[in-house]
Amino acid sequence: LKLYATASLKASEKLRGGIIYLLPDIALR
């Protein structure tokens, strides 16, 4: 459960600024 919570926090952190911040990396790929 602790590992799951840690992974969830990291996933939330990457999405904290919104999906728009991931779009440049997705476009390059």
mmCIF file of all heavy atoms, coordinates in Angstrom:
data_MODEL
# 
_entry.id   MODEL 
# 
loop_
_atom_site.group_PDB 
_atom_site.id 
_atom_site.type_symbol 
_atom_site.label_atom_id 
_atom_site.label_alt_id 
_atom_site.label_comp_id 
_atom_site.label_asym_id 
_atom_site.label_entity_id 
_atom_site.label_seq_id 
_atom_site.pdbx_PDB_ins_code 
_atom_site.Cartn_x 
_atom_site.Cartn_y 
_atom_site.Cartn_z 
_atom_site.occupancy 
_atom_site.B_iso_or_equiv 
_atom_site.pdbx_formal_charge 
_atom_site.auth_seq_id 
_atom_site.auth_comp_id 
_atom_site.auth_asym_id 
_atom_site.auth_atom_id 
_atom_site.pdbx_PDB_model_num 
ATOM 1   N N   . LEU A 1 1  ? 0.826  -1.210 0.000   1.00 0.00 ? 1  LEU A N   1 
ATOM 2   C CA  . LEU A 1 1  ? 0.000  0.000  0.000   1.00 0.00 ? 1  LEU A CA  1 
ATOM 3   C C   . LEU A 1 1  ? 0.861  1.262  0.000   1.00 0.00 ? 1  LEU A C   1 
ATOM 4   O O   . LEU A 1 1  ? 0.524  2.261  -0.647  1.00 0.00 ? 1  LEU A O   1 
ATOM 5   C CB  . LEU A 1 1  ? -0.939 -0.005 1.211   1.00 0.00 ? 1  LEU A CB  1 
ATOM 6   C CG  . LEU A 1 1  ? -2.078 -1.027 1.172   1.00 0.00 ? 1  LEU A CG  1 
ATOM 7   C CD1 . LEU A 1 1  ? -2.868 -0.977 2.473   1.00 0.00 ? 1  LEU A CD1 1 
ATOM 8   C CD2 . LEU A 1 1  ? -3.001 -0.758 -0.023  1.00 0.00 ? 1  LEU A CD2 1 
ATOM 9   N N   . LYS A 1 2  ? 1.985  1.213  0.725   1.00 0.00 ? 2  LYS A N   1 
ATOM 10  C CA  . LYS A 1 2  ? 2.886  2.361  0.754   1.00 0.00 ? 2  LYS A CA  1 
ATOM 11  C C   . LYS A 1 2  ? 3.508  2.592  -0.620  1.00 0.00 ? 2  LYS A C   1 
ATOM 12  O O   . LYS A 1 2  ? 3.629  3.735  -1.070  1.00 0.00 ? 2  LYS A O   1 
ATOM 13  C CB  . LYS A 1 2  ? 3.984  2.145  1.804   1.00 0.00 ? 2  LYS A CB  1 
ATOM 14  C CG  . LYS A 1 2  ? 3.481  2.130  3.238   1.00 0.00 ? 2  LYS A CG  1 
ATOM 15  C CD  . LYS A 1 2  ? 4.627  1.897  4.206   1.00 0.00 ? 2  LYS A CD  1 
ATOM 16  C CE  . LYS A 1 2  ? 4.131  1.858  5.656   1.00 0.00 ? 2  LYS A CE  1 
ATOM 17  N NZ  . LYS A 1 2  ? 5.255  1.609  6.600   1.00 0.00 ? 2  LYS A NZ  1 
ATOM 18  N N   . LEU A 1 3  ? 3.893  1.505  -1.284  1.00 0.00 ? 3  LEU A N   1 
ATOM 19  C CA  . LEU A 1 3  ? 4.468  1.633  -2.619  1.00 0.00 ? 3  LEU A CA  1 
ATOM 20  C C   . LEU A 1 3  ? 3.431  2.143  -3.615  1.00 0.00 ? 3  LEU A C   1 
ATOM 21  O O   . LEU A 1 3  ? 3.735  2.965  -4.483  1.00 0.00 ? 3  LEU A O   1 
ATOM 22  C CB  . LEU A 1 3  ? 5.029  0.280  -3.077  1.00 0.00 ? 3  LEU A CB  1 
ATOM 23  C CG  . LEU A 1 3  ? 6.218  -0.261 -2.279  1.00 0.00 ? 3  LEU A CG  1 
ATOM 24  C CD1 . LEU A 1 3  ? 6.608  -1.651 -2.773  1.00 0.00 ? 3  LEU A CD1 1 
ATOM 25  C CD2 . LEU A 1 3  ? 7.410  0.686  -2.398  1.00 0.00 ? 3  LEU A CD2 1 
ATOM 26  N N   . TYR A 1 4  ? 2.210  1.655  -3.484  1.00 0.00 ? 4  TYR A N   1 
ATOM 27  C CA  . TYR A 1 4  ? 1.124  2.111  -4.359  1.00 0.00 ? 4  TYR A CA  1 
ATOM 28  C C   . TYR A 1 4  ? 0.871  3.606  -4.153  1.00 0.00 ? 4  TYR A C   1 
ATOM 29  O O   . TYR A 1 4  ? 0.680  4.366  -5.117  1.00 0.00 ? 4  TYR A O   1 
ATOM 30  C CB  . TYR A 1 4  ? -0.141 1.315  -4.076  1.00 0.00 ? 4  TYR A CB  1 
ATOM 31  C CG  . TYR A 1 4  ? -1.365 1.820  -4.817  1.00 0.00 ? 4  TYR A CG  1 
ATOM 32  C CD1 . TYR A 1 4  ? -1.551 1.527  -6.172  1.00 0.00 ? 4  TYR A CD1 1 
ATOM 33  C CD2 . TYR A 1 4  ? -2.323 2.602  -4.163  1.00 0.00 ? 4  TYR A CD2 1 
ATOM 34  C CE1 . TYR A 1 4  ? -2.662 2.010  -6.852  1.00 0.00 ? 4  TYR A CE1 1 
ATOM 35  C CE2 . TYR A 1 4  ? -3.431 3.077  -4.834  1.00 0.00 ? 4  TYR A CE2 1 
ATOM 36  C CZ  . TYR A 1 4  ? -3.606 2.782  -6.175  1.00 0.00 ? 4  TYR A CZ  1 
ATOM 37  O OH  . TYR A 1 4  ? -4.691 3.258  -6.844  1.00 0.00 ? 4  TYR A OH  1 
ATOM 38  N N   . ALA A 1 5  ? 0.861  4.027  -2.887  1.00 0.00 ? 5  ALA A N   1 
ATOM 39  C CA  . ALA A 1 5  ? 0.640  5.442  -2.585  1.00 0.00 ? 5  ALA A CA  1 
ATOM 40  C C   . ALA A 1 5  ? 1.767  6.299  -3.156  1.00 0.00 ? 5  ALA A C   1 
ATOM 41  O O   . ALA A 1 5  ? 1.528  7.394  -3.690  1.00 0.00 ? 5  ALA A O   1 
ATOM 42  C CB  . ALA A 1 5  ? 0.524  5.639  -1.081  1.00 0.00 ? 5  ALA A CB  1 
ATOM 43  N N   . THR A 1 6  ? 3.008  5.806  -3.065  1.00 0.00 ? 6  THR A N   1 
ATOM 44  C CA  . THR A 1 6  ? 4.153  6.540  -3.600  1.00 0.00 ? 6  THR A CA  1 
ATOM 45  C C   . THR A 1 6  ? 4.049  6.681  -5.108  1.00 0.00 ? 6  THR A C   1 
ATOM 46  O O   . THR A 1 6  ? 4.286  7.756  -5.669  1.00 0.00 ? 6  THR A O   1 
ATOM 47  C CB  . THR A 1 6  ? 5.467  5.819  -3.236  1.00 0.00 ? 6  THR A CB  1 
ATOM 48  O OG1 . THR A 1 6  ? 5.556  5.691  -1.810  1.00 0.00 ? 6  THR A OG1 1 
ATOM 49  C CG2 . THR A 1 6  ? 6.671  6.604  -3.733  1.00 0.00 ? 6  THR A CG2 1 
ATOM 50  N N   . ALA A 1 7  ? 3.684  5.588  -5.787  1.00 0.00 ? 7  ALA A N   1 
ATOM 51  C CA  . ALA A 1 7  ? 3.527  5.629  -7.244  1.00 0.00 ? 7  ALA A CA  1 
ATOM 52  C C   . ALA A 1 7  ? 2.393  6.569  -7.641  1.00 0.00 ? 7  ALA A C   1 
ATOM 53  O O   . ALA A 1 7  ? 2.505  7.322  -8.618  1.00 0.00 ? 7  ALA A O   1 
ATOM 54  C CB  . ALA A 1 7  ? 3.275  4.218  -7.782  1.00 0.00 ? 7  ALA A CB  1 
ATOM 55  N N   . SER A 1 8  ? 1.299  6.547  -6.892  1.00 0.00 ? 8  SER A N   1 
ATOM 56  C CA  . SER A 1 8  ? 0.157  7.417  -7.193  1.00 0.00 ? 8  SER A CA  1 
ATOM 57  C C   . SER A 1 8  ? 0.534  8.887  -7.047  1.00 0.00 ? 8  SER A C   1 
ATOM 58  O O   . SER A 1 8  ? 0.126  9.731  -7.853  1.00 0.00 ? 8  SER A O   1 
ATOM 59  C CB  . SER A 1 8  ? -1.012 7.090  -6.269  1.00 0.00 ? 8  SER A CB  1 
ATOM 60  O OG  . SER A 1 8  ? -1.449 5.758  -6.443  1.00 0.00 ? 8  SER A OG  1 
ATOM 61  N N   . LEU A 1 9  ? 1.315  9.205  -6.016  1.00 0.00 ? 9  LEU A N   1 
ATOM 62  C CA  . LEU A 1 9  ? 1.748  10.586 -5.812  1.00 0.00 ? 9  LEU A CA  1 
ATOM 63  C C   . LEU A 1 9  ? 2.610  11.071 -6.976  1.00 0.00 ? 9  LEU A C   1 
ATOM 64  O O   . LEU A 1 9  ? 2.485  12.214 -7.422  1.00 0.00 ? 9  LEU A O   1 
ATOM 65  C CB  . LEU A 1 9  ? 2.515  10.707 -4.497  1.00 0.00 ? 9  LEU A CB  1 
ATOM 66  C CG  . LEU A 1 9  ? 1.677  10.625 -3.224  1.00 0.00 ? 9  LEU A CG  1 
ATOM 67  C CD1 . LEU A 1 9  ? 2.586  10.564 -1.993  1.00 0.00 ? 9  LEU A CD1 1 
ATOM 68  C CD2 . LEU A 1 9  ? 0.737  11.822 -3.120  1.00 0.00 ? 9  LEU A CD2 1 
ATOM 69  N N   . LYS A 1 10 ? 3.477  10.182 -7.459  1.00 0.00 ? 10 LYS A N   1 
ATOM 70  C CA  . LYS A 1 10 ? 4.337  10.555 -8.581  1.00 0.00 ? 10 LYS A CA  1 
ATOM 71  C C   . LYS A 1 10 ? 3.519  10.782 -9.845  1.00 0.00 ? 10 LYS A C   1 
ATOM 72  O O   . LYS A 1 10 ? 3.767  11.740 -10.602 1.00 0.00 ? 10 LYS A O   1 
ATOM 73  C CB  . LYS A 1 10 ? 5.383  9.465  -8.821  1.00 0.00 ? 10 LYS A CB  1 
ATOM 74  C CG  . LYS A 1 10 ? 6.389  9.802  -9.918  1.00 0.00 ? 10 LYS A CG  1 
ATOM 75  C CD  . LYS A 1 10 ? 7.195  11.046 -9.562  1.00 0.00 ? 10 LYS A CD  1 
ATOM 76  C CE  . LYS A 1 10 ? 8.244  11.349 -10.613 1.00 0.00 ? 10 LYS A CE  1 
ATOM 77  N NZ  . LYS A 1 10 ? 9.039  12.544 -10.283 1.00 0.00 ? 10 LYS A NZ  1 
ATOM 78  N N   . ALA A 1 11 ? 2.525  9.919  -10.091 1.00 0.00 ? 11 ALA A N   1 
ATOM 79  C CA  . ALA A 1 11 ? 1.664  10.083 -11.260 1.00 0.00 ? 11 ALA A CA  1 
ATOM 80  C C   . ALA A 1 11 ? 0.879  11.389 -11.167 1.00 0.00 ? 11 ALA A C   1 
ATOM 81  O O   . ALA A 1 11 ? 0.746  12.128 -12.162 1.00 0.00 ? 11 ALA A O   1 
ATOM 82  C CB  . ALA A 1 11 ? 0.708  8.895  -11.374 1.00 0.00 ? 11 ALA A CB  1 
ATOM 83  N N   . SER A 1 12 ? 0.368  11.706 -9.984  1.00 0.00 ? 12 SER A N   1 
ATOM 84  C CA  . SER A 1 12 ? -0.383 12.953 -9.788  1.00 0.00 ? 12 SER A CA  1 
ATOM 85  C C   . SER A 1 12 ? 0.516  14.169 -9.980  1.00 0.00 ? 12 SER A C   1 
ATOM 86  O O   . SER A 1 12 ? 0.085  15.199 -10.521 1.00 0.00 ? 12 SER A O   1 
ATOM 87  C CB  . SER A 1 12 ? -0.995 12.977 -8.392  1.00 0.00 ? 12 SER A CB  1 
ATOM 88  O OG  . SER A 1 12 ? -1.868 11.887 -8.199  1.00 0.00 ? 12 SER A OG  1 
ATOM 89  N N   . GLU A 1 13 ? 1.767  14.041 -9.555  1.00 0.00 ? 13 GLU A N   1 
ATOM 90  C CA  . GLU A 1 13 ? 2.709  15.148 -9.687  1.00 0.00 ? 13 GLU A CA  1 
ATOM 91  C C   . GLU A 1 13 ? 2.935  15.505 -11.155 1.00 0.00 ? 13 GLU A C   1 
ATOM 92  O O   . GLU A 1 13 ? 3.006  16.681 -11.525 1.00 0.00 ? 13 GLU A O   1 
ATOM 93  C CB  . GLU A 1 13 ? 4.031  14.765 -9.028  1.00 0.00 ? 13 GLU A CB  1 
ATOM 94  C CG  . GLU A 1 13 ? 5.120  15.816 -9.160  1.00 0.00 ? 13 GLU A CG  1 
ATOM 95  C CD  . GLU A 1 13 ? 6.444  15.317 -8.614  1.00 0.00 ? 13 GLU A CD  1 
ATOM 96  O OE1 . GLU A 1 13 ? 6.412  14.555 -7.624  1.00 0.00 ? 13 GLU A OE1 1 
ATOM 97  O OE2 . GLU A 1 13 ? 7.488  15.679 -9.174  1.00 0.00 ? 13 GLU A OE2 1 
ATOM 98  N N   . LYS A 1 14 ? 3.043  14.495 -12.019 1.00 0.00 ? 14 LYS A N   1 
ATOM 99  C CA  . LYS A 1 14 ? 3.284  14.758 -13.437 1.00 0.00 ? 14 LYS A CA  1 
ATOM 100 C C   . LYS A 1 14 ? 2.075  15.393 -14.110 1.00 0.00 ? 14 LYS A C   1 
ATOM 101 O O   . LYS A 1 14 ? 2.210  16.061 -15.131 1.00 0.00 ? 14 LYS A O   1 
ATOM 102 C CB  . LYS A 1 14 ? 3.660  13.458 -14.163 1.00 0.00 ? 14 LYS A CB  1 
ATOM 103 C CG  . LYS A 1 14 ? 4.983  12.860 -13.724 1.00 0.00 ? 14 LYS A CG  1 
ATOM 104 C CD  . LYS A 1 14 ? 5.532  11.901 -14.752 1.00 0.00 ? 14 LYS A CD  1 
ATOM 105 C CE  . LYS A 1 14 ? 5.981  12.606 -16.005 1.00 0.00 ? 14 LYS A CE  1 
ATOM 106 N NZ  . LYS A 1 14 ? 6.679  11.726 -16.954 1.00 0.00 ? 14 LYS A NZ  1 
ATOM 107 N N   . LEU A 1 15 ? 0.896  15.170 -13.548 1.00 0.00 ? 15 LEU A N   1 
ATOM 108 C CA  . LEU A 1 15 ? -0.320 15.717 -14.129 1.00 0.00 ? 15 LEU A CA  1 
ATOM 109 C C   . LEU A 1 15 ? -0.771 17.007 -13.448 1.00 0.00 ? 15 LEU A C   1 
ATOM 110 O O   . LEU A 1 15 ? -1.806 17.561 -13.798 1.00 0.00 ? 15 LEU A O   1 
ATOM 111 C CB  . LEU A 1 15 ? -1.451 14.686 -14.047 1.00 0.00 ? 15 LEU A CB  1 
ATOM 112 C CG  . LEU A 1 15 ? -1.285 13.440 -14.923 1.00 0.00 ? 15 LEU A CG  1 
ATOM 113 C CD1 . LEU A 1 15 ? -2.337 12.403 -14.580 1.00 0.00 ? 15 LEU A CD1 1 
ATOM 114 C CD2 . LEU A 1 15 ? -1.353 13.806 -16.394 1.00 0.00 ? 15 LEU A CD2 1 
ATOM 115 N N   . ARG A 1 16 ? 0.000  17.450 -12.469 1.00 0.00 ? 16 ARG A N   1 
ATOM 116 C CA  . ARG A 1 16 ? -0.418 18.598 -11.663 1.00 0.00 ? 16 ARG A CA  1 
ATOM 117 C C   . ARG A 1 16 ? -0.563 19.866 -12.499 1.00 0.00 ? 16 ARG A C   1 
ATOM 118 O O   . ARG A 1 16 ? -1.442 20.686 -12.268 1.00 0.00 ? 16 ARG A O   1 
ATOM 119 C CB  . ARG A 1 16 ? 0.600  18.825 -10.538 1.00 0.00 ? 16 ARG A CB  1 
ATOM 120 C CG  . ARG A 1 16 ? 0.173  19.868 -9.510  1.00 0.00 ? 16 ARG A CG  1 
ATOM 121 C CD  . ARG A 1 16 ? 1.157  19.902 -8.367  1.00 0.00 ? 16 ARG A CD  1 
ATOM 122 N NE  . ARG A 1 16 ? 1.230  18.601 -7.708  1.00 0.00 ? 16 ARG A NE  1 
ATOM 123 C CZ  . ARG A 1 16 ? 2.227  18.240 -6.906  1.00 0.00 ? 16 ARG A CZ  1 
ATOM 124 N NH1 . ARG A 1 16 ? 3.228  19.064 -6.676  1.00 0.00 ? 16 ARG A NH1 1 
ATOM 125 N NH2 . ARG A 1 16 ? 2.231  17.040 -6.340  1.00 0.00 ? 16 ARG A NH2 1 
ATOM 126 N N   . GLY A 1 17 ? 0.305  20.024 -13.504 1.00 0.00 ? 17 GLY A N   1 
ATOM 127 C CA  . GLY A 1 17 ? 0.234  21.217 -14.327 1.00 0.00 ? 17 GLY A CA  1 
ATOM 128 C C   . GLY A 1 17 ? -0.770 21.121 -15.457 1.00 0.00 ? 17 GLY A C   1 
ATOM 129 O O   . GLY A 1 17 ? -0.941 22.084 -16.214 1.00 0.00 ? 17 GLY A O   1 
ATOM 130 N N   . GLY A 1 18 ? -1.422 19.965 -15.589 1.00 0.00 ? 18 GLY A N   1 
ATOM 131 C CA  . GLY A 1 18 ? -2.383 19.782 -16.668 1.00 0.00 ? 18 GLY A CA  1 
ATOM 132 C C   . GLY A 1 18 ? -1.782 19.000 -17.823 1.00 0.00 ? 18 GLY A C   1 
ATOM 133 O O   . GLY A 1 18 ? -0.559 18.932 -17.982 1.00 0.00 ? 18 GLY A O   1 
ATOM 134 N N   . ILE A 1 19 ? -2.643 18.433 -18.625 1.00 0.00 ? 19 ILE A N   1 
ATOM 135 C CA  . ILE A 1 19 ? -2.211 17.608 -19.754 1.00 0.00 ? 19 ILE A CA  1 
ATOM 136 C C   . ILE A 1 19 ? -1.436 18.424 -20.777 1.00 0.00 ? 19 ILE A C   1 
ATOM 137 O O   . ILE A 1 19 ? -0.553 17.901 -21.463 1.00 0.00 ? 19 ILE A O   1 
ATOM 138 C CB  . ILE A 1 19 ? -3.443 16.944 -20.412 1.00 0.00 ? 19 ILE A CB  1 
ATOM 139 C CG1 . ILE A 1 19 ? -4.114 15.986 -19.418 1.00 0.00 ? 19 ILE A CG1 1 
ATOM 140 C CG2 . ILE A 1 19 ? -3.055 16.198 -21.682 1.00 0.00 ? 19 ILE A CG2 1 
ATOM 141 C CD1 . ILE A 1 19 ? -5.377 15.344 -19.945 1.00 0.00 ? 19 ILE A CD1 1 
ATOM 142 N N   . ILE A 1 20 ? -1.722 19.717 -20.858 1.00 0.00 ? 20 ILE A N   1 
ATOM 143 C CA  . ILE A 1 20 ? -1.099 20.546 -21.881 1.00 0.00 ? 20 ILE A CA  1 
ATOM 144 C C   . ILE A 1 20 ? 0.424  20.545 -21.788 1.00 0.00 ? 20 ILE A C   1 
ATOM 145 O O   . ILE A 1 20 ? 1.136  20.682 -22.798 1.00 0.00 ? 20 ILE A O   1 
ATOM 146 C CB  . ILE A 1 20 ? -1.648 21.991 -21.815 1.00 0.00 ? 20 ILE A CB  1 
ATOM 147 C CG1 . ILE A 1 20 ? -1.218 22.770 -23.053 1.00 0.00 ? 20 ILE A CG1 1 
ATOM 148 C CG2 . ILE A 1 20 ? -1.188 22.675 -20.537 1.00 0.00 ? 20 ILE A CG2 1 
ATOM 149 C CD1 . ILE A 1 20 ? -1.870 24.124 -23.179 1.00 0.00 ? 20 ILE A CD1 1 
ATOM 150 N N   . TYR A 1 21 ? 0.961  20.350 -20.576 1.00 0.00 ? 21 TYR A N   1 
ATOM 151 C CA  . TYR A 1 21 ? 2.404  20.350 -20.403 1.00 0.00 ? 21 TYR A CA  1 
ATOM 152 C C   . TYR A 1 21 ? 3.046  19.063 -20.914 1.00 0.00 ? 21 TYR A C   1 
ATOM 153 O O   . TYR A 1 21 ? 4.261  19.019 -21.120 1.00 0.00 ? 21 TYR A O   1 
ATOM 154 C CB  . TYR A 1 21 ? 2.761  20.553 -18.925 1.00 0.00 ? 21 TYR A CB  1 
ATOM 155 C CG  . TYR A 1 21 ? 2.495  21.951 -18.439 1.00 0.00 ? 21 TYR A CG  1 
ATOM 156 C CD1 . TYR A 1 21 ? 1.306  22.266 -17.783 1.00 0.00 ? 21 TYR A CD1 1 
ATOM 157 C CD2 . TYR A 1 21 ? 3.415  22.968 -18.657 1.00 0.00 ? 21 TYR A CD2 1 
ATOM 158 C CE1 . TYR A 1 21 ? 1.056  23.559 -17.349 1.00 0.00 ? 21 TYR A CE1 1 
ATOM 159 C CE2 . TYR A 1 21 ? 3.166  24.266 -18.223 1.00 0.00 ? 21 TYR A CE2 1 
ATOM 160 C CZ  . TYR A 1 21 ? 1.983  24.546 -17.565 1.00 0.00 ? 21 TYR A CZ  1 
ATOM 161 O OH  . TYR A 1 21 ? 1.735  25.831 -17.146 1.00 0.00 ? 21 TYR A OH  1 
ATOM 162 N N   . LEU A 1 22 ? 2.259  18.026 -21.122 1.00 0.00 ? 22 LEU A N   1 
ATOM 163 C CA  . LEU A 1 22 ? 2.777  16.779 -21.656 1.00 0.00 ? 22 LEU A CA  1 
ATOM 164 C C   . LEU A 1 22 ? 2.711  16.734 -23.180 1.00 0.00 ? 22 LEU A C   1 
ATOM 165 O O   . LEU A 1 22 ? 3.333  15.878 -23.800 1.00 0.00 ? 22 LEU A O   1 
ATOM 166 C CB  . LEU A 1 22 ? 1.983  15.592 -21.085 1.00 0.00 ? 22 LEU A CB  1 
ATOM 167 C CG  . LEU A 1 22 ? 2.008  15.416 -19.570 1.00 0.00 ? 22 LEU A CG  1 
ATOM 168 C CD1 . LEU A 1 22 ? 1.107  14.256 -19.169 1.00 0.00 ? 22 LEU A CD1 1 
ATOM 169 C CD2 . LEU A 1 22 ? 3.424  15.181 -19.075 1.00 0.00 ? 22 LEU A CD2 1 
ATOM 170 N N   . LEU A 1 23 ? 1.938  17.636 -23.769 1.00 0.00 ? 23 LEU A N   1 
ATOM 171 C CA  . LEU A 1 23 ? 1.720  17.601 -25.216 1.00 0.00 ? 23 LEU A CA  1 
ATOM 172 C C   . LEU A 1 23 ? 2.998  17.807 -26.040 1.00 0.00 ? 23 LEU A C   1 
ATOM 173 O O   . LEU A 1 23 ? 3.174  17.139 -27.064 1.00 0.00 ? 23 LEU A O   1 
ATOM 174 C CB  . LEU A 1 23 ? 0.674  18.637 -25.612 1.00 0.00 ? 23 LEU A CB  1 
ATOM 175 C CG  . LEU A 1 23 ? -0.750 18.353 -25.104 1.00 0.00 ? 23 LEU A CG  1 
ATOM 176 C CD1 . LEU A 1 23 ? -1.708 19.438 -25.595 1.00 0.00 ? 23 LEU A CD1 1 
ATOM 177 C CD2 . LEU A 1 23 ? -1.232 16.978 -25.563 1.00 0.00 ? 23 LEU A CD2 1 
ATOM 178 N N   . PRO A 1 24 ? 3.910  18.709 -25.672 1.00 0.00 ? 24 PRO A N   1 
ATOM 179 C CA  . PRO A 1 24 ? 5.135  18.856 -26.482 1.00 0.00 ? 24 PRO A CA  1 
ATOM 180 C C   . PRO A 1 24 ? 5.946  17.567 -26.559 1.00 0.00 ? 24 PRO A C   1 
ATOM 181 O O   . PRO A 1 24 ? 6.432  17.200 -27.639 1.00 0.00 ? 24 PRO A O   1 
ATOM 182 C CB  . PRO A 1 24 ? 5.908  19.963 -25.749 1.00 0.00 ? 24 PRO A CB  1 
ATOM 183 C CG  . PRO A 1 24 ? 4.854  20.756 -25.057 1.00 0.00 ? 24 PRO A CG  1 
ATOM 184 C CD  . PRO A 1 24 ? 3.826  19.756 -24.630 1.00 0.00 ? 24 PRO A CD  1 
ATOM 185 N N   . ASP A 1 25 ? 6.093  16.867 -25.435 1.00 0.00 ? 25 ASP A N   1 
ATOM 186 C CA  . ASP A 1 25 ? 6.832  15.604 -25.438 1.00 0.00 ? 25 ASP A CA  1 
ATOM 187 C C   . ASP A 1 25 ? 6.119  14.557 -26.288 1.00 0.00 ? 25 ASP A C   1 
ATOM 188 O O   . ASP A 1 25 ? 6.760  13.815 -27.049 1.00 0.00 ? 25 ASP A O   1 
ATOM 189 C CB  . ASP A 1 25 ? 6.990  15.096 -24.002 1.00 0.00 ? 25 ASP A CB  1 
ATOM 190 C CG  . ASP A 1 25 ? 7.767  13.792 -23.943 1.00 0.00 ? 25 ASP A CG  1 
ATOM 191 O OD1 . ASP A 1 25 ? 8.924  13.779 -24.389 1.00 0.00 ? 25 ASP A OD1 1 
ATOM 192 O OD2 . ASP A 1 25 ? 7.207  12.784 -23.471 1.00 0.00 ? 25 ASP A OD2 1 
ATOM 193 N N   . ILE A 1 26 ? 4.803  14.492 -26.183 1.00 0.00 ? 26 ILE A N   1 
ATOM 194 C CA  . ILE A 1 26 ? 4.030  13.548 -26.988 1.00 0.00 ? 26 ILE A CA  1 
ATOM 195 C C   . ILE A 1 26 ? 4.175  13.871 -28.468 1.00 0.00 ? 26 ILE A C   1 
ATOM 196 O O   . ILE A 1 26 ? 4.354  12.976 -29.310 1.00 0.00 ? 26 ILE A O   1 
ATOM 197 C CB  . ILE A 1 26 ? 2.548  13.572 -26.568 1.00 0.00 ? 26 ILE A CB  1 
ATOM 198 C CG1 . ILE A 1 26 ? 2.391  12.986 -25.158 1.00 0.00 ? 26 ILE A CG1 1 
ATOM 199 C CG2 . ILE A 1 26 ? 1.690  12.799 -27.556 1.00 0.00 ? 26 ILE A CG2 1 
ATOM 200 C CD1 . ILE A 1 26 ? 0.978  13.077 -24.604 1.00 0.00 ? 26 ILE A CD1 1 
ATOM 201 N N   . ALA A 1 27 ? 4.134  15.155 -28.817 1.00 0.00 ? 27 ALA A N   1 
ATOM 202 C CA  . ALA A 1 27 ? 4.270  15.561 -30.220 1.00 0.00 ? 27 ALA A CA  1 
ATOM 203 C C   . ALA A 1 27 ? 5.630  15.170 -30.781 1.00 0.00 ? 27 ALA A C   1 
ATOM 204 O O   . ALA A 1 27 ? 5.730  14.670 -31.911 1.00 0.00 ? 27 ALA A O   1 
ATOM 205 C CB  . ALA A 1 27 ? 4.066  17.075 -30.339 1.00 0.00 ? 27 ALA A CB  1 
ATOM 206 N N   . LEU A 1 28 ? 6.690  15.357 -29.991 1.00 0.00 ? 28 LEU A N   1 
ATOM 207 C CA  . LEU A 1 28 ? 8.034  14.983 -30.445 1.00 0.00 ? 28 LEU A CA  1 
ATOM 208 C C   . LEU A 1 28 ? 8.148  13.478 -30.659 1.00 0.00 ? 28 LEU A C   1 
ATOM 209 O O   . LEU A 1 28 ? 8.785  13.020 -31.622 1.00 0.00 ? 28 LEU A O   1 
ATOM 210 C CB  . LEU A 1 28 ? 9.073  15.460 -29.433 1.00 0.00 ? 28 LEU A CB  1 
ATOM 211 C CG  . LEU A 1 28 ? 9.328  16.969 -29.386 1.00 0.00 ? 28 LEU A CG  1 
ATOM 212 C CD1 . LEU A 1 28 ? 10.277 17.310 -28.252 1.00 0.00 ? 28 LEU A CD1 1 
ATOM 213 C CD2 . LEU A 1 28 ? 9.909  17.446 -30.716 1.00 0.00 ? 28 LEU A CD2 1 
ATOM 214 N N   . ARG A 1 29 ? 7.531  12.703 -29.778 1.00 0.00 ? 29 ARG A N   1 
ATOM 215 C CA  . ARG A 1 29 ? 7.579  11.247 -29.933 1.00 0.00 ? 29 ARG A CA  1 
ATOM 216 C C   . ARG A 1 29 ? 6.810  10.794 -31.160 1.00 0.00 ? 29 ARG A C   1 
ATOM 217 O O   . ARG A 1 29 ? 7.234  9.874  -31.864 1.00 0.00 ? 29 ARG A O   1 
ATOM 218 C CB  . ARG A 1 29 ? 7.036  10.580 -28.661 1.00 0.00 ? 29 ARG A CB  1 
ATOM 219 C CG  . ARG A 1 29 ? 7.928  10.788 -27.447 1.00 0.00 ? 29 ARG A CG  1 
ATOM 220 C CD  . ARG A 1 29 ? 7.375  10.123 -26.199 1.00 0.00 ? 29 ARG A CD  1 
ATOM 221 N NE  . ARG A 1 29 ? 7.388  8.676  -26.306 1.00 0.00 ? 29 ARG A NE  1 
ATOM 222 C CZ  . ARG A 1 29 ? 7.029  7.863  -25.303 1.00 0.00 ? 29 ARG A CZ  1 
ATOM 223 N NH1 . ARG A 1 29 ? 6.630  8.375  -24.156 1.00 0.00 ? 29 ARG A NH1 1 
ATOM 224 N NH2 . ARG A 1 29 ? 7.057  6.566  -25.464 1.00 0.00 ? 29 ARG A NH2 1 
# 
